[in-house]
Protein backbone atom coordinates (compact mmCIF):
# COMPACT_ATOMS: atom_id res chain seq x y z
CA MET A 1 0.00 0.00 0.00
CA ALA A 2 1.39 3.46 -0.98
CA ASP A 3 1.99 5.98 1.80
CA GLU A 4 -0.11 9.15 1.75
CA LEU A 5 1.79 12.43 1.37
CA LEU A 6 -0.80 15.13 0.77
CA ARG A 7 -4.56 15.41 0.25
CA MET A 8 -6.34 18.27 -1.63
CA GLU A 9 -9.66 19.05 -3.31
CA ILE A 10 -10.71 20.73 -6.52
CA VAL A 11 -13.93 22.72 -6.11
CA ASP A 12 -13.33 25.55 -8.57
CA GLU A 13 -10.96 26.70 -11.33
CA GLN A 14 -8.54 28.04 -8.72
CA GLY A 15 -8.34 24.51 -7.32
CA VAL A 16 -7.09 23.25 -10.68
CA PHE A 17 -4.21 25.76 -10.54
CA THR A 18 -3.50 24.80 -6.93
CA VAL A 19 -3.38 21.08 -7.71
CA ARG A 20 -1.07 21.73 -10.67
CA GLN A 21 1.27 23.72 -8.45
CA ALA A 22 1.14 21.05 -5.73
CA GLY A 23 1.85 18.32 -8.29
CA ARG A 24 5.02 20.09 -9.41
CA GLN A 25 6.22 20.62 -5.84
CA VAL A 26 5.43 17.05 -4.70
CA ALA A 27 7.21 15.67 -7.80
CA ALA A 28 10.27 17.76 -6.93
CA ALA A 29 10.11 16.64 -3.29
CA VAL A 30 10.11 12.88 -4.13
CA GLY A 31 13.12 13.24 -6.48
CA LEU A 32 11.72 13.55 -10.01
CA ASP A 33 13.75 15.65 -12.45
CA HIS A 34 12.57 18.95 -13.91
CA GLN A 35 11.03 17.47 -17.05
CA ASP A 36 9.09 14.86 -15.07
CA GLN A 37 7.94 17.62 -12.69
CA VAL A 38 6.49 19.50 -15.66
CA ARG A 39 4.88 16.28 -16.98
CA VAL A 40 3.19 15.59 -13.61
CA ALA A 41 1.95 19.19 -13.32
CA THR A 42 0.63 19.22 -16.89
CA ALA A 43 -1.11 15.83 -16.48
CA LEU A 44 -2.82 17.02 -13.25
CA SER A 45 -3.87 20.28 -14.90
CA GLU A 46 -5.46 18.48 -17.88
CA ALA A 47 -7.06 15.71 -15.81
CA GLY A 48 -8.25 18.11 -13.09
CA ARG A 49 -9.93 20.44 -15.62
CA GLU A 50 -11.79 17.59 -17.33
CA LEU A 51 -12.82 15.91 -14.07
CA HIS A 52 -14.02 19.20 -12.50
CA ALA A 53 -16.32 19.67 -15.46
CA SER A 54 -17.99 16.35 -14.56
CA SER A 55 -18.17 16.77 -10.77
CA PRO A 56 -18.38 19.72 -8.36
CA ARG A 57 -15.79 18.18 -6.07
CA VAL A 58 -12.68 16.18 -6.95
CA SER A 59 -10.52 14.70 -4.17
CA VAL A 60 -6.82 14.56 -4.96
CA THR A 61 -4.43 12.38 -2.91
CA PHE A 62 -0.67 12.23 -3.42
CA ARG A 63 0.99 8.94 -2.38
CA LEU A 64 4.52 7.51 -2.42
CA ASP A 65 4.86 3.87 -3.41
CA ARG A 66 8.12 2.73 -1.80
CA GLU A 67 8.01 -0.77 -3.32
CA ARG A 68 10.34 -1.53 -6.25
CA PRO A 69 9.99 0.13 -8.62
CA ALA A 70 9.22 3.19 -6.50
CA GLY A 71 6.88 5.82 -7.87
CA LEU A 72 4.63 8.80 -7.23
CA VAL A 73 0.93 7.81 -7.23
CA ILE A 74 -1.83 10.45 -7.57
CA GLU A 75 -5.43 9.38 -6.90
CA LEU A 76 -8.34 11.51 -8.10
CA PHE A 77 -11.78 10.56 -6.73
CA LEU A 78 -15.08 12.09 -7.81
CA VAL A 79 -18.79 11.41 -7.97
CA PRO A 80 -20.03 12.43 -11.43
CA ARG A 81 -23.11 14.63 -11.78
CA ILE A 82 -26.31 12.79 -12.65
CA GLY A 83 -26.83 12.60 -16.41
CA ARG A 84 -23.21 13.27 -17.23
CA ASP A 85 -21.02 10.76 -19.09
CA ARG A 86 -18.33 8.94 -17.20
CA PRO A 87 -15.27 11.25 -17.10
CA GLU A 88 -11.93 10.40 -18.62
CA ALA A 89 -8.49 11.30 -17.32
CA GLY A 90 -7.55 12.85 -20.66
CA ARG A 91 -5.15 11.90 -23.44
CA ALA A 92 -2.45 14.19 -22.06
CA ALA A 93 -2.33 12.27 -18.76
CA THR A 94 -2.04 8.99 -20.65
CA ARG A 95 0.90 10.29 -22.69
CA LEU A 96 2.70 12.02 -19.79
CA MET A 97 2.42 9.43 -17.00
CA ASN A 98 3.76 5.89 -16.86
CA ARG A 99 0.40 4.42 -15.98
CA VAL A 100 -3.25 5.61 -15.87
CA GLU A 101 -5.93 3.40 -14.27
CA GLU A 102 -9.65 3.92 -13.69
CA GLU A 103 -12.03 1.99 -11.48
CA GLU A 104 -15.46 2.43 -9.90
CA THR A 105 -15.42 2.37 -6.10
CA GLY A 106 -17.44 3.83 -3.20
CA GLY A 107 -20.16 5.10 -5.48
CA GLY A 108 -17.75 7.12 -7.54
CA VAL A 109 -14.84 6.92 -9.95
CA LEU A 110 -11.23 6.55 -8.85
CA ILE A 111 -8.53 7.56 -11.33
CA ARG A 112 -4.95 6.59 -10.44
CA LEU A 113 -1.94 8.25 -12.13
CA ARG A 114 1.60 6.89 -11.63
CA LYS A 115 5.03 8.28 -12.41
CA ASP A 116 8.00 6.02 -11.70
CA LEU A 117 10.95 7.49 -9.79
CA PRO A 118 14.41 7.40 -11.43
CA ALA A 119 16.21 4.05 -11.18
CA GLY A 120 18.95 5.57 -9.04
CA ALA A 121 16.63 7.33 -6.57
CA VAL A 122 17.57 6.93 -2.88
CA PRO A 123 15.02 4.76 -0.99
CA VAL A 124 12.80 6.76 1.41
CA GLY A 125 12.76 5.57 5.02
CA ASP A 126 10.10 6.21 7.65
CA ALA A 127 11.90 9.26 9.04
CA GLU A 128 12.39 10.76 5.61
CA LEU A 129 8.70 10.06 4.85
CA GLU A 130 7.53 11.99 7.92
CA ASP A 131 9.79 14.91 7.09
CA LEU A 132 8.46 14.88 3.52
CA ARG A 133 4.85 14.98 4.76
CA SER A 134 5.67 17.84 7.10
CA ARG A 135 7.24 19.91 4.36
CA LEU A 136 4.37 19.29 1.96
CA GLN A 137 1.77 20.24 4.58
CA ARG A 138 3.42 23.66 4.80
CA LEU A 139 2.92 24.33 1.11
CA ARG A 140 0.80 27.37 0.32
CA PRO A 141 -0.91 28.02 -3.01
CA VAL A 142 0.40 30.86 -5.10
CA PRO A 143 -1.82 33.28 -7.03
CA ALA A 144 -3.09 32.19 -10.42
CA LEU A 145 -1.04 34.92 -12.09
CA GLU A 146 2.12 33.55 -10.52
CA GLU A 147 1.21 30.03 -11.64
CA LEU A 148 0.55 31.34 -15.13
CA ARG A 149 3.96 33.01 -15.12
CA THR A 150 5.53 29.72 -14.08
CA GLN A 151 3.72 27.91 -16.88
CA ASN A 152 4.92 30.52 -19.38
CA ALA A 153 8.49 30.06 -18.14
CA GLU A 154 8.16 26.31 -18.53
CA LEU A 155 6.74 26.79 -22.01
CA MET A 156 9.60 29.13 -22.99
CA ALA A 157 12.12 26.62 -21.66
CA ALA A 158 10.40 23.87 -23.65
CA LEU A 159 10.44 26.02 -26.78
CA GLU A 160 14.13 26.82 -26.33
CA ASP A 161 14.84 23.14 -25.78
CA LEU A 162 12.82 22.31 -28.91
CA GLN A 163 14.68 24.96 -30.91
CA LEU A 164 18.01 23.55 -29.70
CA GLN A 165 16.91 20.07 -30.70
CA GLN A 166 15.84 21.34 -34.13
CA GLU A 167 19.24 22.97 -34.63
CA GLU A 168 20.96 19.75 -33.60
CA LEU A 169 18.68 17.86 -35.97
CA ARG A 170 19.54 20.22 -38.84
CA SER A 171 23.24 19.76 -38.04
CA LEU A 172 22.78 15.98 -38.02
CA ASN A 173 20.87 16.15 -41.31
CA THR A 174 23.71 18.13 -42.86
CA GLU A 175 26.26 15.60 -41.64
CA LEU A 176 24.04 12.79 -42.88
CA GLU A 177 23.76 14.39 -46.33
CA ASP A 178 27.55 14.77 -46.48
CA THR A 179 27.91 11.14 -45.42
CA ASN A 180 25.36 10.06 -48.02
CA HIS A 181 27.28 11.92 -50.72
CA GLY A 182 30.46 10.13 -49.64
CA VAL A 183 28.67 6.78 -49.53
CA MET A 184 27.18 7.32 -52.97
CA ALA A 185 30.56 8.29 -54.37
CA LEU A 186 32.12 5.21 -52.80
CA TYR A 187 29.23 3.06 -54.06
CA ASN A 188 29.67 4.39 -57.59
CA GLU A 189 33.40 3.78 -57.41
CA ILE A 190 32.91 0.22 -56.13
CA SER A 191 30.20 -0.39 -58.74
CA GLU A 192 32.53 0.72 -61.52
CA GLU A 193 35.34 -1.46 -60.17
CA LEU A 194 32.94 -4.41 -59.78
CA GLU A 195 31.63 -3.95 -63.29
CA GLU A 196 35.17 -3.81 -64.63
CA THR A 197 36.04 -6.93 -62.63
CA ASN A 198 32.93 -8.68 -63.97
CA ARG A 199 33.95 -7.83 -67.50
CA GLY A 200 37.38 -9.28 -66.78
CA VAL A 201 35.84 -12.43 -65.29
CA VAL A 202 33.52 -12.84 -68.27
CA ALA A 203 36.47 -12.41 -70.62
CA LEU A 204 38.49 -14.91 -68.56
CA TYR A 205 35.63 -17.42 -68.66
CA ALA A 206 35.36 -16.99 -72.40
CA GLU A 207 39.10 -17.54 -72.75
CA LEU A 208 38.97 -20.58 -70.46
CA GLU A 209 36.05 -21.99 -72.43
CA GLU A 210 37.96 -21.44 -75.66
CA LYS A 211 41.05 -23.13 -74.19
CA SER A 212 38.88 -26.00 -72.93
CA ASP A 213 37.42 -26.45 -76.40
CA GLN A 214 40.92 -26.44 -77.85
CA LEU A 215 42.11 -28.98 -75.30
CA ARG A 216 39.07 -31.15 -75.92
CA GLU A 217 39.60 -30.99 -79.66
CA ALA A 218 43.30 -31.74 -79.18
CA GLY A 219 42.46 -34.69 -76.95
CA GLU A 220 39.91 -36.01 -79.41
CA GLY A 221 42.39 -35.55 -82.23
CA LYS A 222 45.07 -37.39 -80.25
CA ASN A 223 42.68 -40.26 -79.52
CA ARG A 224 41.63 -40.47 -83.16
CA PHE A 225 45.28 -40.43 -84.19
CA TRP A 226 46.17 -43.19 -81.75
CA ALA A 227 43.19 -45.27 -82.75
CA ASN A 228 43.87 -44.85 -86.46
CA ILE A 229 47.61 -45.46 -86.15
CA SER A 230 46.97 -48.48 -83.94
CA HIS A 231 44.58 -50.00 -86.44
CA GLU A 232 46.96 -49.21 -89.30
CA LEU A 233 49.93 -50.75 -87.50
CA ARG A 234 48.18 -53.90 -86.34
CA THR A 235 47.77 -55.27 -89.88
CA PRO A 236 51.43 -55.18 -90.91
CA VAL A 237 52.62 -56.25 -87.46
CA ASN A 238 50.26 -59.21 -87.49
CA GLY A 239 51.59 -59.97 -90.96
CA ILE A 240 55.17 -59.95 -89.70
CA ILE A 241 54.28 -62.24 -86.79
CA GLY A 242 52.43 -64.56 -89.14
CA LEU A 243 55.37 -64.74 -91.54
CA THR A 244 57.81 -65.53 -88.77
CA ARG A 245 55.58 -68.37 -87.62
CA LEU A 246 55.45 -69.71 -91.18
CA LEU A 247 59.22 -69.52 -91.50
CA LEU A 248 59.69 -71.34 -88.19
CA ASP A 249 57.08 -73.97 -88.96
CA PRO A 250 58.68 -77.46 -89.10
CA ALA A 251 56.89 -78.05 -92.40
CA ALA A 252 58.56 -75.03 -93.99
CA ALA A 253 61.90 -75.00 -95.78
CA PRO A 254 64.80 -75.64 -93.40
CA VAL A 255 66.76 -72.68 -92.04
CA THR A 256 70.11 -72.45 -90.37
CA PRO A 257 70.31 -71.98 -86.57
CA GLU A 258 71.45 -68.38 -87.04
CA GLN A 259 68.53 -67.69 -89.38
CA ARG A 260 66.15 -69.30 -86.88
CA GLN A 261 67.49 -67.05 -84.14
CA GLN A 262 67.11 -63.96 -86.28
CA ILE A 263 63.56 -64.95 -87.32
CA SER A 264 62.68 -65.59 -83.65
CA LEU A 265 64.06 -62.16 -82.79
CA ILE A 266 61.88 -60.62 -85.51
CA GLY A 267 58.85 -62.50 -84.13
CA ASP A 268 59.56 -61.40 -80.56
CA THR A 269 60.03 -57.79 -81.67
CA GLY A 270 56.78 -57.98 -83.63
CA GLY A 271 54.99 -59.34 -80.54
CA THR A 272 56.37 -56.49 -78.44
CA LEU A 273 55.29 -53.97 -81.07
CA LEU A 274 51.81 -55.55 -81.22
CA THR A 275 51.51 -55.30 -77.43
CA LEU A 276 52.47 -51.62 -77.59
CA VAL A 277 49.92 -51.00 -80.35
CA ASN A 278 47.20 -52.72 -78.32
CA GLU A 279 48.10 -50.62 -75.29
CA LEU A 280 47.87 -47.43 -77.34
CA LEU A 281 44.48 -48.52 -78.67
CA ASP A 282 43.21 -49.35 -75.16
CA ILE A 283 44.43 -45.99 -73.81
CA ALA A 284 42.55 -44.21 -76.59
CA ARG A 285 39.44 -46.22 -75.79
CA ALA A 286 39.78 -45.50 -72.08
CA GLU A 287 40.05 -41.74 -72.65
CA GLN A 288 36.91 -41.91 -74.78
CA GLY A 289 35.11 -43.96 -72.14
CA ARG A 290 34.83 -46.94 -74.46
CA LEU A 291 37.02 -49.39 -72.56
CA GLU A 292 34.38 -51.73 -71.20
CA PRO A 293 35.51 -54.78 -69.21
CA ARG A 294 33.89 -58.14 -69.94
CA LEU A 295 33.22 -59.52 -66.48
CA VAL A 296 33.40 -63.25 -65.89
CA PRO A 297 34.30 -65.42 -62.88
CA VAL A 298 38.10 -65.76 -62.94
CA ASN A 299 40.05 -68.55 -61.24
CA ILE A 300 42.74 -66.46 -59.60
CA PRO A 301 45.15 -69.27 -58.62
CA ALA A 302 45.06 -70.59 -62.19
CA LEU A 303 45.62 -67.12 -63.62
CA LEU A 304 48.63 -66.61 -61.32
CA GLU A 305 50.02 -69.99 -62.31
CA ASP A 306 49.80 -69.08 -66.01
CA LEU A 307 51.46 -65.76 -65.26
CA THR A 308 54.30 -67.53 -63.43
CA GLU A 309 54.93 -69.88 -66.34
CA LEU A 310 54.96 -66.96 -68.77
CA LEU A 311 57.32 -64.67 -66.84
CA THR A 312 59.68 -67.10 -65.11
CA PRO A 313 61.88 -67.44 -68.24
CA MET A 314 62.15 -63.67 -68.45
CA ALA A 315 63.25 -63.55 -64.79
CA GLY A 316 65.82 -66.28 -65.44
CA GLN A 317 67.31 -64.36 -68.36
CA ALA A 318 67.67 -61.29 -66.13
CA GLY A 319 69.30 -63.32 -63.32
CA LEU A 320 66.41 -62.56 -60.93
CA THR A 321 64.08 -64.63 -58.77
CA LEU A 322 60.34 -64.40 -59.42
CA THR A 323 58.16 -65.42 -56.47
CA VAL A 324 54.36 -65.63 -56.76
CA GLU A 325 52.41 -66.12 -53.51
CA ALA A 326 48.83 -67.27 -54.14
CA ALA A 327 48.02 -68.88 -50.76
CA THR A 328 45.95 -65.90 -49.58
CA ALA A 329 44.41 -65.16 -52.97
CA PRO A 330 40.62 -65.45 -53.42
CA PRO A 331 39.67 -68.60 -55.32
CA VAL A 332 37.35 -66.69 -57.68
CA LEU A 333 37.13 -63.02 -58.62
CA VAL A 334 34.58 -61.56 -61.01
CA THR A 335 36.56 -59.36 -63.36
CA ASP A 336 37.90 -59.13 -66.90
CA PRO A 337 40.61 -61.80 -67.08
CA GLU A 338 42.40 -60.24 -70.05
CA MET A 339 42.60 -56.81 -68.42
CA LEU A 340 43.74 -58.29 -65.10
CA SER A 341 46.42 -60.37 -66.87
CA ARG A 342 47.68 -57.34 -68.77
CA ILE A 343 47.95 -55.29 -65.56
CA LEU A 344 49.87 -58.02 -63.72
CA ARG A 345 52.13 -58.76 -66.70
CA ASN A 346 52.86 -55.05 -66.95
CA LEU A 347 53.66 -54.63 -63.24
CA VAL A 348 55.77 -57.78 -62.96
CA GLY A 349 57.46 -57.01 -66.29
CA ASN A 350 58.36 -53.52 -65.04
CA GLY A 351 59.80 -55.04 -61.86
CA LEU A 352 61.96 -57.44 -63.85
CA LYS A 353 63.01 -54.71 -66.27
CA PHE A 354 64.07 -52.15 -63.64
CA THR A 355 65.69 -54.53 -61.13
CA ALA A 356 69.39 -55.28 -61.54
CA GLU A 357 69.64 -57.98 -58.88
CA GLY A 358 67.54 -59.60 -56.23
CA GLU A 359 63.94 -60.64 -56.74
CA VAL A 360 60.46 -59.61 -57.84
CA ARG A 361 57.61 -60.81 -55.68
CA LEU A 362 53.87 -60.96 -56.51
CA LEU A 363 51.47 -61.39 -53.58
CA ALA A 364 47.73 -61.88 -54.03
CA ARG A 365 45.56 -61.46 -50.96
CA GLU A 366 41.97 -60.78 -49.99
CA THR A 367 41.04 -58.11 -47.43
CA PRO A 368 37.59 -57.12 -46.13
CA ALA A 369 37.58 -54.04 -48.36
CA HIS A 370 39.65 -55.08 -51.41
CA THR A 371 41.32 -57.80 -53.37
CA GLU A 372 44.98 -56.79 -53.65
CA PHE A 373 47.81 -57.79 -55.96
CA VAL A 374 51.10 -56.45 -54.59
CA VAL A 375 54.23 -56.43 -56.80
CA THR A 376 57.49 -55.71 -54.95
CA ASP A 377 61.00 -55.48 -56.43
CA THR A 378 64.48 -54.83 -55.10
CA GLY A 379 65.38 -52.29 -57.78
CA ALA A 380 66.86 -48.82 -57.53
CA GLY A 381 63.61 -47.21 -56.41
CA ILE A 382 61.92 -44.00 -57.54
CA THR A 383 62.45 -40.54 -56.07
CA PRO A 384 59.45 -38.77 -54.46
CA ALA A 385 59.42 -36.19 -57.27
CA ASP A 386 58.94 -38.93 -59.90
CA ARG A 387 56.38 -41.12 -58.08
CA GLN A 388 53.37 -39.37 -59.57
CA ARG A 389 54.99 -38.53 -62.88
CA VAL A 390 55.53 -42.20 -63.69
CA PHE A 391 51.76 -42.38 -64.25
CA GLU A 392 52.04 -39.75 -66.99
CA GLU A 393 52.02 -41.09 -70.53
CA PHE A 394 55.47 -41.39 -72.17
CA TYR A 395 57.28 -40.26 -69.01
CA ARG A 396 60.48 -42.13 -68.18
CA VAL A 397 62.43 -41.77 -64.95
CA PRO A 398 65.66 -39.83 -65.68
CA GLY A 399 68.83 -41.90 -65.46
CA SER A 400 67.09 -45.22 -65.94
CA GLN A 401 69.14 -47.66 -68.00
CA ALA A 402 66.20 -49.91 -68.88
CA ARG A 403 64.37 -49.46 -72.14
CA GLY A 404 60.71 -48.55 -72.12
CA THR A 405 58.01 -46.46 -73.76
CA GLY A 406 56.61 -44.75 -70.67
CA LEU A 407 53.17 -46.21 -71.31
CA GLY A 408 53.22 -49.21 -68.97
CA LEU A 409 52.05 -47.70 -65.68
CA PRO A 410 49.58 -45.21 -67.24
CA TYR A 411 48.09 -48.08 -69.22
CA ALA A 412 47.91 -50.32 -66.14
CA ARG A 413 46.22 -47.61 -64.08
CA ARG A 414 43.59 -47.01 -66.77
CA LEU A 415 42.84 -50.71 -66.89
CA ALA A 416 42.65 -50.87 -63.09
CA ARG A 417 40.16 -48.01 -62.97
CA ALA A 418 38.13 -49.57 -65.76
CA LEU A 419 37.83 -52.63 -63.51
CA GLY A 420 36.54 -50.46 -60.66
CA GLY A 421 39.85 -50.38 -58.77
CA ASP A 422 43.05 -48.35 -58.75
CA LEU A 423 46.83 -48.55 -58.75
CA PHE A 424 49.10 -47.27 -55.95
CA LEU A 425 52.87 -46.90 -55.90
CA ASP A 426 55.33 -46.64 -53.03
CA SER A 427 59.08 -46.58 -53.42
CA VAL A 428 62.28 -46.06 -51.44
CA VAL A 429 65.41 -45.06 -53.33
CA GLY A 430 68.00 -47.80 -53.04
CA ARG A 431 65.57 -50.37 -51.63
CA GLY A 432 62.96 -50.96 -54.30
CA THR A 433 59.40 -50.24 -55.39
CA THR A 434 56.00 -51.63 -54.40
CA VAL A 435 53.00 -51.29 -56.71
CA THR A 436 49.58 -52.34 -55.39
CA LEU A 437 46.58 -53.15 -57.54
CA ARG A 438 43.36 -52.88 -55.53
CA LEU A 439 40.15 -54.29 -56.95
CA PRO A 440 36.73 -54.35 -55.31
CA PRO A 441 35.97 -57.69 -53.65
CA HIS A 442 33.31 -59.92 -55.07
CA ARG A 443 29.94 -59.62 -53.36
CA THR A 444 26.94 -61.79 -54.06
CA LEU A 445 23.59 -60.29 -54.97
CA ALA A 446 22.26 -61.25 -51.54
CA GLU A 447 25.07 -59.29 -49.87
CA LEU A 448 24.10 -56.15 -51.81
CA ASP A 449 20.81 -56.01 -49.85
CA LEU A 450 18.57 -55.10 -52.79
CA ARG A 451 14.87 -54.65 -52.12
CA HIS A 452 13.49 -53.97 -55.60
CA VAL A 453 14.97 -54.70 -59.04
CA LEU A 454 13.32 -53.71 -62.34
CA ILE A 455 14.09 -55.80 -65.47
CA VAL A 456 13.49 -54.05 -68.82
CA ASP A 457 13.69 -56.27 -71.92
CA ASP A 458 11.30 -57.01 -74.76
CA ASP A 459 12.47 -60.65 -74.89
CA GLU A 460 10.41 -62.73 -72.47
CA ALA A 461 13.09 -65.45 -72.33
CA ALA A 462 15.73 -62.86 -71.40
CA ARG A 463 13.47 -61.45 -68.70
CA ARG A 464 12.85 -64.94 -67.36
CA ASN A 465 16.58 -65.65 -67.30
CA LEU A 466 17.37 -62.42 -65.38
CA HIS A 467 14.44 -63.03 -63.05
CA GLY A 468 15.86 -66.42 -62.20
CA LEU A 469 19.27 -64.94 -61.42
CA VAL A 470 18.01 -62.24 -59.03
CA ALA A 471 14.80 -63.68 -57.56
CA GLU A 472 16.36 -65.41 -54.56
CA ALA A 473 18.59 -62.45 -53.67
CA VAL A 474 16.08 -59.57 -53.70
CA HIS A 475 12.74 -58.92 -52.04
CA ARG A 476 10.82 -57.93 -55.15
CA VAL A 477 11.37 -58.15 -58.93
CA GLY A 478 9.48 -55.99 -61.46
CA GLU A 479 9.41 -56.44 -65.21
CA ALA A 480 8.75 -54.14 -68.18
CA ALA A 481 8.59 -55.16 -71.85
CA ASP A 482 9.10 -51.70 -73.41
CA GLY A 483 10.48 -48.25 -72.67
CA ARG A 484 7.25 -46.46 -71.75
CA GLU A 485 6.24 -49.20 -69.35
CA ALA A 486 9.70 -49.03 -67.78
CA LEU A 487 9.61 -45.25 -67.26
CA ALA A 488 6.11 -45.47 -65.78
CA ALA A 489 7.20 -48.24 -63.41
CA VAL A 490 10.22 -46.24 -62.24
CA ALA A 491 8.07 -43.16 -61.61
CA ALA A 492 5.45 -45.14 -59.69
CA ASP A 493 7.81 -47.27 -57.61
CA PRO A 494 11.54 -46.35 -57.88
CA PRO A 495 13.67 -49.52 -57.80
CA ASP A 496 17.10 -49.99 -56.24
CA VAL A 497 18.55 -50.83 -59.67
CA VAL A 498 17.34 -51.15 -63.29
CA LEU A 499 18.58 -53.91 -65.61
CA LEU A 500 18.03 -52.36 -69.05
CA ASP A 501 18.36 -53.80 -72.55
CA LEU A 502 19.10 -51.31 -75.35
CA ARG A 503 16.83 -52.97 -77.93
CA LEU A 504 13.23 -52.02 -77.11
CA PRO A 505 10.18 -52.11 -79.42
CA ASP A 506 8.76 -48.62 -78.79
CA LEU A 507 11.61 -46.31 -77.74
CA ASP A 508 15.34 -46.10 -78.32
CA GLY A 509 16.97 -47.78 -75.35
CA LEU A 510 19.48 -44.92 -75.07
CA ASP A 511 16.58 -42.43 -74.81
CA VAL A 512 15.06 -44.54 -72.04
CA LEU A 513 18.47 -44.57 -70.37
CA THR A 514 18.74 -40.77 -70.34
CA GLU A 515 15.15 -40.44 -69.04
CA MET A 516 15.98 -42.48 -65.95
CA PRO A 517 16.09 -40.35 -62.76
CA PRO A 518 19.67 -39.58 -61.67
CA GLY A 519 19.31 -41.44 -58.38
CA ILE A 520 18.40 -44.76 -60.02
CA PRO A 521 21.43 -47.01 -60.81
CA VAL A 522 21.20 -48.52 -64.31
CA VAL A 523 23.00 -51.62 -65.62
CA LEU A 524 22.95 -52.09 -69.39
CA VAL A 525 22.40 -55.81 -70.01
CA THR A 526 22.77 -56.05 -73.75
CA ALA A 527 24.20 -57.98 -76.65
CA VAL A 528 25.22 -54.70 -78.34
CA ASP A 529 28.90 -53.73 -78.34
CA VAL A 530 28.46 -50.40 -76.56
CA GLY A 531 32.15 -49.59 -76.98
CA ALA A 532 31.60 -49.18 -80.71
CA LEU A 533 28.58 -46.86 -80.40
CA GLN A 534 30.46 -43.70 -79.31
CA ASP A 535 27.18 -42.19 -78.08
CA PRO A 536 27.34 -39.59 -75.26
CA ARG A 537 24.04 -40.90 -73.90
CA LEU A 538 25.93 -43.97 -72.70
CA ASP A 539 27.48 -41.80 -69.99
CA ARG A 540 24.23 -42.22 -68.02
CA ALA A 541 24.84 -45.98 -67.70
CA ASP A 542 26.37 -46.93 -64.36
CA ALA A 543 27.61 -50.34 -65.55
CA VAL A 544 27.50 -52.60 -68.64
CA LEU A 545 27.04 -56.37 -68.73
CA ALA A 546 27.27 -58.41 -71.93
CA LYS A 547 24.50 -60.99 -72.29
CA ASP A 548 26.90 -63.64 -73.54
CA SER A 549 28.92 -63.47 -70.30
CA MET A 550 26.00 -63.20 -67.91
CA SER A 551 26.02 -65.29 -64.75
CA THR A 552 25.12 -64.85 -61.11
CA GLU A 553 28.66 -63.66 -60.36
CA THR A 554 28.98 -61.24 -63.27
CA LEU A 555 25.52 -59.80 -62.64
CA ALA A 556 26.35 -59.24 -58.98
CA GLU A 557 29.59 -57.48 -59.93
CA ALA A 558 27.83 -55.27 -62.50
CA VAL A 559 25.14 -54.30 -59.96
CA ARG A 560 27.80 -53.55 -57.33
CA ALA A 561 29.69 -51.36 -59.80
CA ALA A 562 26.45 -49.55 -60.75
CA LEU A 563 25.56 -48.85 -57.11
CA THR A 564 29.06 -47.53 -56.43
CA HIS A 565 29.19 -45.37 -59.58
CA ASN A 566 25.74 -43.87 -59.05
CA THR A 567 26.48 -42.99 -55.44
CA GLY A 568 29.76 -41.34 -56.45
CA ALA A 569 28.08 -39.40 -59.29
CA ARG A 570 25.45 -38.00 -56.90
CA THR A 571 28.03 -36.92 -54.33
């Protein structure tokens, strides 16, 4: 409950002036600043005038609320005249005071005005409260003329303050205009610089695009050159090899031992040249994306045994030991046997070629994440600066005494990546080199955890064959006999993978391929040689499986490759 300070009444116009004066003095006594004193006096003047018009007597009580937050509370009580509308405290009071409340009580209307004291005001104790009451009781009203003079002084002070604020505002506006001019000048300067930079960027992009086109054309020209030269060279080289075989045939005319040795040398050189031509042709195909492996189940121990028989004589001629460890090799790996043999022959051949003494070791092993073929030699080693450059075409390590074309490792890496794996090299100068071929491990269809597979082929027998291969490994198998049915099925119920034939009765299979949503892995299961098509739409295919090499193992490998490729393309 607020403590009472002073009680007054308004019974005439003079009372309004007296209450205004008292409001200013009480506000000053409780610690309000000059502006708040004027606000309290003005609010009481406005409210008192309006309330006196509604009632002959208005009781005014000044109170001090000492609770936090402390404040000056002014209560105005009146009983309105009969037939008069309920009075209002006035808009001025609402704007000038912190709070204005009205309530009906004791047969009349109580209006409560509140003005909060400053946050740093000193709390008022009981002794200070009594002294404050005593001082306020001694207040005497001043004449109306004196009060009017006080109001005029307050008004003049307010006008001067307003004029000062207007001058400060004009000064601020001037500063703001100057700042705006500077900002606009800076903005224009930055805009010009940005526009000039944009023109430079556009020109750079155009130049880069032109250079890219030139590089692409140069690359395509190089690939066409390699392919054409390779095809042109294969015919005479094959002719040379054929002639040497005829000359060495027991049924042919006899030759002297020296002639036989020279003919054998010609045949060996022709075989080496044919291998080089085939490597050039495969590199050209790989760069054009047309090097497609033919996946079949490969007996790895048998392949390693054949490789040992082939390369052991070469190791013997070089005075080296060739060791092949197949104990930890997987019994079967689904891959392209010819590509795998070429990679291993290349890696082991390089080891024998660049090793002066010691041994070359080939280790095949199966890990949870990969199937690895590790070729280690005891040669001179490769410096750190040359370890990546050896994978560049035609690059040869400086100072090497061995003969070579610089195509072996680049060719082997392209084949490894075509098989879904990669090639890694580690070397220590003076101790030797280790090259690791990593291929993805074989996983069965059941291990791929497929829920839904869609088979698209117009041949019912082909669909039945594929259905039989996947039925036990997946939860659900869908079939479509043409392109439109396939696209509708994919839209209605997206499968985990699509097995698509290119020959369809209604739509071009390549068009169906490009219409497949990006997130759907697609395996082309076809009898068409896609490597000869050279169609950019084939880029949408995630894997290719030839129908003539189709089995449970090759299908599983193609699906695994498609899932891996599609996930990588989306990320």
